[in-house]
Structure formats: structure tokens, C-alpha cells
């Protein structure tokens, strides 16, 4: 049973990542992977429409959430700013990036197949899958 759950989670992550990558391409956003020190977070630049992803960055958040968070800065951010991944920040733009990133992932993960009630019932699987435990309160706002 546990192997089936693991395989199911891995499949869900892979499928979500594939759809997210397609949306990134459609939005003409470039993702550049630059391995760096474990303390260097991901970044996004609105003007250049680029996400700089550090695969070595040590964080408890999943890669799909990190990408969706940075993507939301580009799609919904103001001005010509460069953002660094800081999901626990209390800044308005970081909270909005969290909410938009969570919503992107939820729309992909749940699709049109789940009602609002079902999304709520399966929220813990969603939270665990995308490693969103530190921001559960924001996930619950979105669902």
C-alpha cells in the first residue's frame, strides 16, 4: 500500500510539474537552473521574465511550489522588481505570490474534477505533496 501511495504521489508531482512547465512556456517565462550555494534562494525578475532556480537551495518547500511562487511574481507583480524566494516573509508581495502560487498548483492538482468541498477534504494530501506545512493557513484560504 505504501509503495502505491509513493508512486501515486510521484506521478501527481510529475504531472503537475509538466503542466506548470507548459504554462511557463505559454507565458514566455524562462527558467534558468543555476546550481549555487545551499543558502542562495531562487529569484525572479519581472522585466526579463526570468526565474533563476537554484536546485541546491535548502528549503522545506517543494520545487513545483517554488517555481509557481516565482512565476506568480512575474505574472502578477508590480514594477520592475527582482524577487528572491522568501515565502515566510510578511511582505504583501510575498503573501500574494504564495497565494497565487498555491492557487496555480491547486488548479492543476485538483483540476475541474474536484468540487470546493472535495478540495477541502483532500487539502492535507495537497499540503503534504507540495510541502506547504509552514503556510497551511494560506492554503486553506485558497481552497
C-alpha atoms as a PDB file:
ATOM      1  CA  UNK A   1       0.000   0.000   0.000  1.00  0.00           C
ATOM      2  CA  UNK A   2       2.752   2.465   0.893  1.00  0.00           C
ATOM      3  CA  UNK A   3       4.510   1.818  -2.404  1.00  0.00           C
ATOM      4  CA  UNK A   4       1.271   2.610  -4.256  1.00  0.00           C
ATOM      5  CA  UNK A   5       0.901   5.865  -2.306  1.00  0.00           C
ATOM      6  CA  UNK A   6       4.521   6.799  -3.048  1.00  0.00           C
ATOM      7  CA  UNK A   7       4.070   6.050  -6.750  1.00  0.00           C
ATOM      8  CA  UNK A   8       0.789   7.973  -6.778  1.00  0.00           C
ATOM      9  CA  UNK A   9       2.461  11.000  -5.151  1.00  0.00           C
ATOM     10  CA  UNK A  10       5.395  10.828  -7.544  1.00  0.00           C
ATOM     11  CA  UNK A  11       3.032  10.643 -10.516  1.00  0.00           C
ATOM     12  CA  UNK A  12       0.985  13.598  -9.195  1.00  0.00           C
ATOM     13  CA  UNK A  13       4.151  15.687  -8.739  1.00  0.00           C
ATOM     14  CA  UNK A  14       5.415  14.794 -12.212  1.00  0.00           C
ATOM     15  CA  UNK A  15       2.101  15.570 -13.893  1.00  0.00           C
ATOM     16  CA  UNK A  16       1.724  18.863 -12.004  1.00  0.00           C
ATOM     17  CA  UNK A  17       5.284  19.856 -12.893  1.00  0.00           C
ATOM     18  CA  UNK A  18       4.703  19.047 -16.566  1.00  0.00           C
ATOM     19  CA  UNK A  19       1.561  21.208 -16.718  1.00  0.00           C
ATOM     20  CA  UNK A  20       3.306  24.000 -14.792  1.00  0.00           C
ATOM     21  CA  UNK A  21       6.205  23.882 -17.275  1.00  0.00           C
ATOM     22  CA  UNK A  22       3.736  24.147 -20.168  1.00  0.00           C
ATOM     23  CA  UNK A  23       2.163  27.219 -18.574  1.00  0.00           C
ATOM     24  CA  UNK A  24       5.598  28.758 -18.073  1.00  0.00           C
ATOM     25  CA  UNK A  25       6.340  28.272 -21.768  1.00  0.00           C
ATOM     26  CA  UNK A  26       2.942  29.716 -22.770  1.00  0.00           C
ATOM     27  CA  UNK A  27       3.618  32.786 -20.598  1.00  0.00           C
ATOM     28  CA  UNK A  28       7.032  33.184 -22.249  1.00  0.00           C
ATOM     29  CA  UNK A  29       8.869  32.879 -18.964  1.00  0.00           C
ATOM     30  CA  UNK A  30      12.371  31.466 -19.000  1.00  0.00           C
ATOM     31  CA  UNK A  31      13.594  29.245 -16.161  1.00  0.00           C
ATOM     32  CA  UNK A  32      17.347  29.055 -15.746  1.00  0.00           C
ATOM     33  CA  UNK A  33      18.779  26.457 -13.396  1.00  0.00           C
ATOM     34  CA  UNK A  34      21.964  27.706 -11.761  1.00  0.00           C
ATOM     35  CA  UNK A  35      23.384  25.433  -9.067  1.00  0.00           C
ATOM     36  CA  UNK A  36      24.750  27.555  -6.276  1.00  0.00           C
ATOM     37  CA  UNK A  37      25.332  27.561  -2.543  1.00  0.00           C
ATOM     38  CA  UNK A  38      22.571  25.963  -0.446  1.00  0.00           C
ATOM     39  CA  UNK A  39      21.764  29.343   1.108  1.00  0.00           C
ATOM     40  CA  UNK A  40      21.138  31.121  -2.217  1.00  0.00           C
ATOM     41  CA  UNK A  41      17.419  31.156  -2.893  1.00  0.00           C
ATOM     42  CA  UNK A  42      15.544  31.178  -6.183  1.00  0.00           C
ATOM     43  CA  UNK A  43      14.900  34.534  -7.842  1.00  0.00           C
ATOM     44  CA  UNK A  44      12.613  36.090 -10.424  1.00  0.00           C
ATOM     45  CA  UNK A  45      12.875  39.236 -12.499  1.00  0.00           C
ATOM     46  CA  UNK A  46       9.679  40.779 -13.825  1.00  0.00           C
ATOM     47  CA  UNK A  47      11.240  42.817 -16.649  1.00  0.00           C
ATOM     48  CA  UNK A  48      13.300  39.960 -18.030  1.00  0.00           C
ATOM     49  CA  UNK A  49      10.545  37.383 -17.366  1.00  0.00           C
ATOM     50  CA  UNK A  50      13.095  35.000 -15.938  1.00  0.00           C
ATOM     51  CA  UNK A  51      13.200  32.655 -12.968  1.00  0.00           C
ATOM     52  CA  UNK A  52      16.624  31.717 -11.670  1.00  0.00           C
ATOM     53  CA  UNK A  53      16.275  28.368  -9.950  1.00  0.00           C
ATOM     54  CA  UNK A  54      18.929  27.032  -7.577  1.00  0.00           C
ATOM     55  CA  UNK A  55      18.496  23.235  -7.332  1.00  0.00           C
ATOM     56  CA  UNK A  56      20.813  23.211  -4.302  1.00  0.00           C
ATOM     57  CA  UNK A  57      18.778  25.687  -2.256  1.00  0.00           C
ATOM     58  CA  UNK A  58      17.863  24.124   1.082  1.00  0.00           C
ATOM     59  CA  UNK A  59      14.201  24.649   1.855  1.00  0.00           C
ATOM     60  CA  UNK A  60      11.284  22.571   3.030  1.00  0.00           C
ATOM     61  CA  UNK A  61       9.091  23.785   0.146  1.00  0.00           C
ATOM     62  CA  UNK A  62       8.672  21.632  -2.967  1.00  0.00           C
ATOM     63  CA  UNK A  63      10.198  22.555  -6.312  1.00  0.00           C
ATOM     64  CA  UNK A  64       6.791  22.994  -8.009  1.00  0.00           C
ATOM     65  CA  UNK A  65       5.711  25.454  -5.314  1.00  0.00           C
ATOM     66  CA  UNK A  66       8.996  27.355  -5.549  1.00  0.00           C
ATOM     67  CA  UNK A  67       8.563  27.709  -9.322  1.00  0.00           C
ATOM     68  CA  UNK A  68       4.861  28.637  -9.044  1.00  0.00           C
ATOM     69  CA  UNK A  69       5.711  31.236  -6.384  1.00  0.00           C
ATOM     70  CA  UNK A  70       8.347  32.889  -8.598  1.00  0.00           C
ATOM     71  CA  UNK A  71       6.102  32.588 -11.650  1.00  0.00           C
ATOM     72  CA  UNK A  72       3.365  34.462  -9.796  1.00  0.00           C
ATOM     73  CA  UNK A  73       5.766  37.336  -9.120  1.00  0.00           C
ATOM     74  CA  UNK A  74       6.299  37.653 -12.874  1.00  0.00           C
ATOM     75  CA  UNK A  75       2.640  37.272 -13.820  1.00  0.00           C
ATOM     76  CA  UNK A  76       1.101  39.384 -11.069  1.00  0.00           C
ATOM     77  CA  UNK A  77       3.920  41.503  -9.633  1.00  0.00           C
ATOM     78  CA  UNK A  78       4.219  45.255  -9.864  1.00  0.00           C
ATOM     79  CA  UNK A  79       7.001  47.316 -11.357  1.00  0.00           C
ATOM     80  CA  UNK A  80      10.354  46.073 -12.489  1.00  0.00           C
ATOM     81  CA  UNK A  81      11.435  44.275  -9.373  1.00  0.00           C
ATOM     82  CA  UNK A  82      13.661  41.321  -8.772  1.00  0.00           C
ATOM     83  CA  UNK A  83      12.361  38.991  -6.082  1.00  0.00           C
ATOM     84  CA  UNK A  84      14.116  36.346  -4.026  1.00  0.00           C
ATOM     85  CA  UNK A  85      12.218  33.331  -2.745  1.00  0.00           C
ATOM     86  CA  UNK A  86      11.038  34.231   0.752  1.00  0.00           C
ATOM     87  CA  UNK A  87       7.704  32.502   1.370  1.00  0.00           C
ATOM     88  CA  UNK A  88       7.659  33.189   5.105  1.00  0.00           C
ATOM     89  CA  UNK A  89       8.013  36.930   4.677  1.00  0.00           C
ATOM     90  CA  UNK A  90       5.156  39.126   5.883  1.00  0.00           C
ATOM     91  CA  UNK A  91       5.547  41.481   2.894  1.00  0.00           C
ATOM     92  CA  UNK A  92       2.370  41.870   0.881  1.00  0.00           C
ATOM     93  CA  UNK A  93       4.005  40.860  -2.406  1.00  0.00           C
ATOM     94  CA  UNK A  94       5.359  37.644  -0.866  1.00  0.00           C
ATOM     95  CA  UNK A  95       1.996  36.707   0.624  1.00  0.00           C
ATOM     96  CA  UNK A  96       0.361  37.371  -2.743  1.00  0.00           C
ATOM     97  CA  UNK A  97       2.995  35.267  -4.518  1.00  0.00           C
ATOM     98  CA  UNK A  98       2.306  32.456  -2.052  1.00  0.00           C
ATOM     99  CA  UNK A  99      -1.452  32.680  -2.596  1.00  0.00           C
ATOM    100  CA  UNK A 100      -1.131  32.840  -6.384  1.00  0.00           C
ATOM    101  CA  UNK A 101       1.405  30.003  -6.431  1.00  0.00           C
ATOM    102  CA  UNK A 102      -0.817  27.838  -4.232  1.00  0.00           C
ATOM    103  CA  UNK A 103      -3.816  28.629  -6.447  1.00  0.00           C
ATOM    104  CA  UNK A 104      -1.876  27.675  -9.593  1.00  0.00           C
ATOM    105  CA  UNK A 105      -0.876  24.348  -8.082  1.00  0.00           C
ATOM    106  CA  UNK A 106      -4.371  23.687  -6.699  1.00  0.00           C
ATOM    107  CA  UNK A 107      -5.969  24.379 -10.077  1.00  0.00           C
ATOM    108  CA  UNK A 108      -3.559  21.948 -11.723  1.00  0.00           C
ATOM    109  CA  UNK A 109      -3.649  19.296  -8.985  1.00  0.00           C
ATOM    110  CA  UNK A 110      -7.408  19.280  -8.446  1.00  0.00           C
ATOM    111  CA  UNK A 111      -8.404  20.387 -11.939  1.00  0.00           C
ATOM    112  CA  UNK A 112     -12.084  20.626 -12.709  1.00  0.00           C
ATOM    113  CA  UNK A 113     -12.723  17.226 -11.175  1.00  0.00           C
ATOM    114  CA  UNK A 114     -12.897  18.299  -7.554  1.00  0.00           C
ATOM    115  CA  UNK A 115     -15.595  20.456  -6.026  1.00  0.00           C
ATOM    116  CA  UNK A 116     -14.755  23.035  -3.380  1.00  0.00           C
ATOM    117  CA  UNK A 117     -15.839  20.523  -0.735  1.00  0.00           C
ATOM    118  CA  UNK A 118     -13.585  17.820  -2.173  1.00  0.00           C
ATOM    119  CA  UNK A 119     -10.635  20.210  -2.386  1.00  0.00           C
ATOM    120  CA  UNK A 120     -11.112  20.943   1.296  1.00  0.00           C
ATOM    121  CA  UNK A 121     -11.344  17.227   2.147  1.00  0.00           C
ATOM    122  CA  UNK A 122      -8.106  16.455   0.270  1.00  0.00           C
ATOM    123  CA  UNK A 123      -6.218  19.546   1.452  1.00  0.00           C
ATOM    124  CA  UNK A 124      -3.823  17.583   3.668  1.00  0.00           C
ATOM    125  CA  UNK A 125      -2.651  15.438   0.765  1.00  0.00           C
ATOM    126  CA  UNK A 126      -2.118  18.624  -1.256  1.00  0.00           C
ATOM    127  CA  UNK A 127      -0.246  20.287   1.630  1.00  0.00           C
ATOM    128  CA  UNK A 128       1.981  17.248   2.158  1.00  0.00           C
ATOM    129  CA  UNK A 129       2.627  16.677  -1.536  1.00  0.00           C
ATOM    130  CA  UNK A 130       3.838  20.230  -2.121  1.00  0.00           C
ATOM    131  CA  UNK A 131       5.417  20.549   1.341  1.00  0.00           C
ATOM    132  CA  UNK A 132       3.358  23.579   2.306  1.00  0.00           C
ATOM    133  CA  UNK A 133       3.113  22.876   6.050  1.00  0.00           C
ATOM    134  CA  UNK A 134       4.621  26.243   7.102  1.00  0.00           C
ATOM    135  CA  UNK A 135       1.891  28.119   5.211  1.00  0.00           C
ATOM    136  CA  UNK A 136      -1.162  25.916   5.813  1.00  0.00           C
ATOM    137  CA  UNK A 137      -3.194  28.991   6.698  1.00  0.00           C
ATOM    138  CA  UNK A 138      -2.649  30.336   3.171  1.00  0.00           C
ATOM    139  CA  UNK A 139      -3.516  27.005   1.562  1.00  0.00           C
ATOM    140  CA  UNK A 140      -6.770  26.970   3.477  1.00  0.00           C
ATOM    141  CA  UNK A 141      -7.546  30.497   2.238  1.00  0.00           C
ATOM    142  CA  UNK A 142      -7.164  29.316  -1.355  1.00  0.00           C
ATOM    143  CA  UNK A 143      -9.189  26.136  -1.087  1.00  0.00           C
END
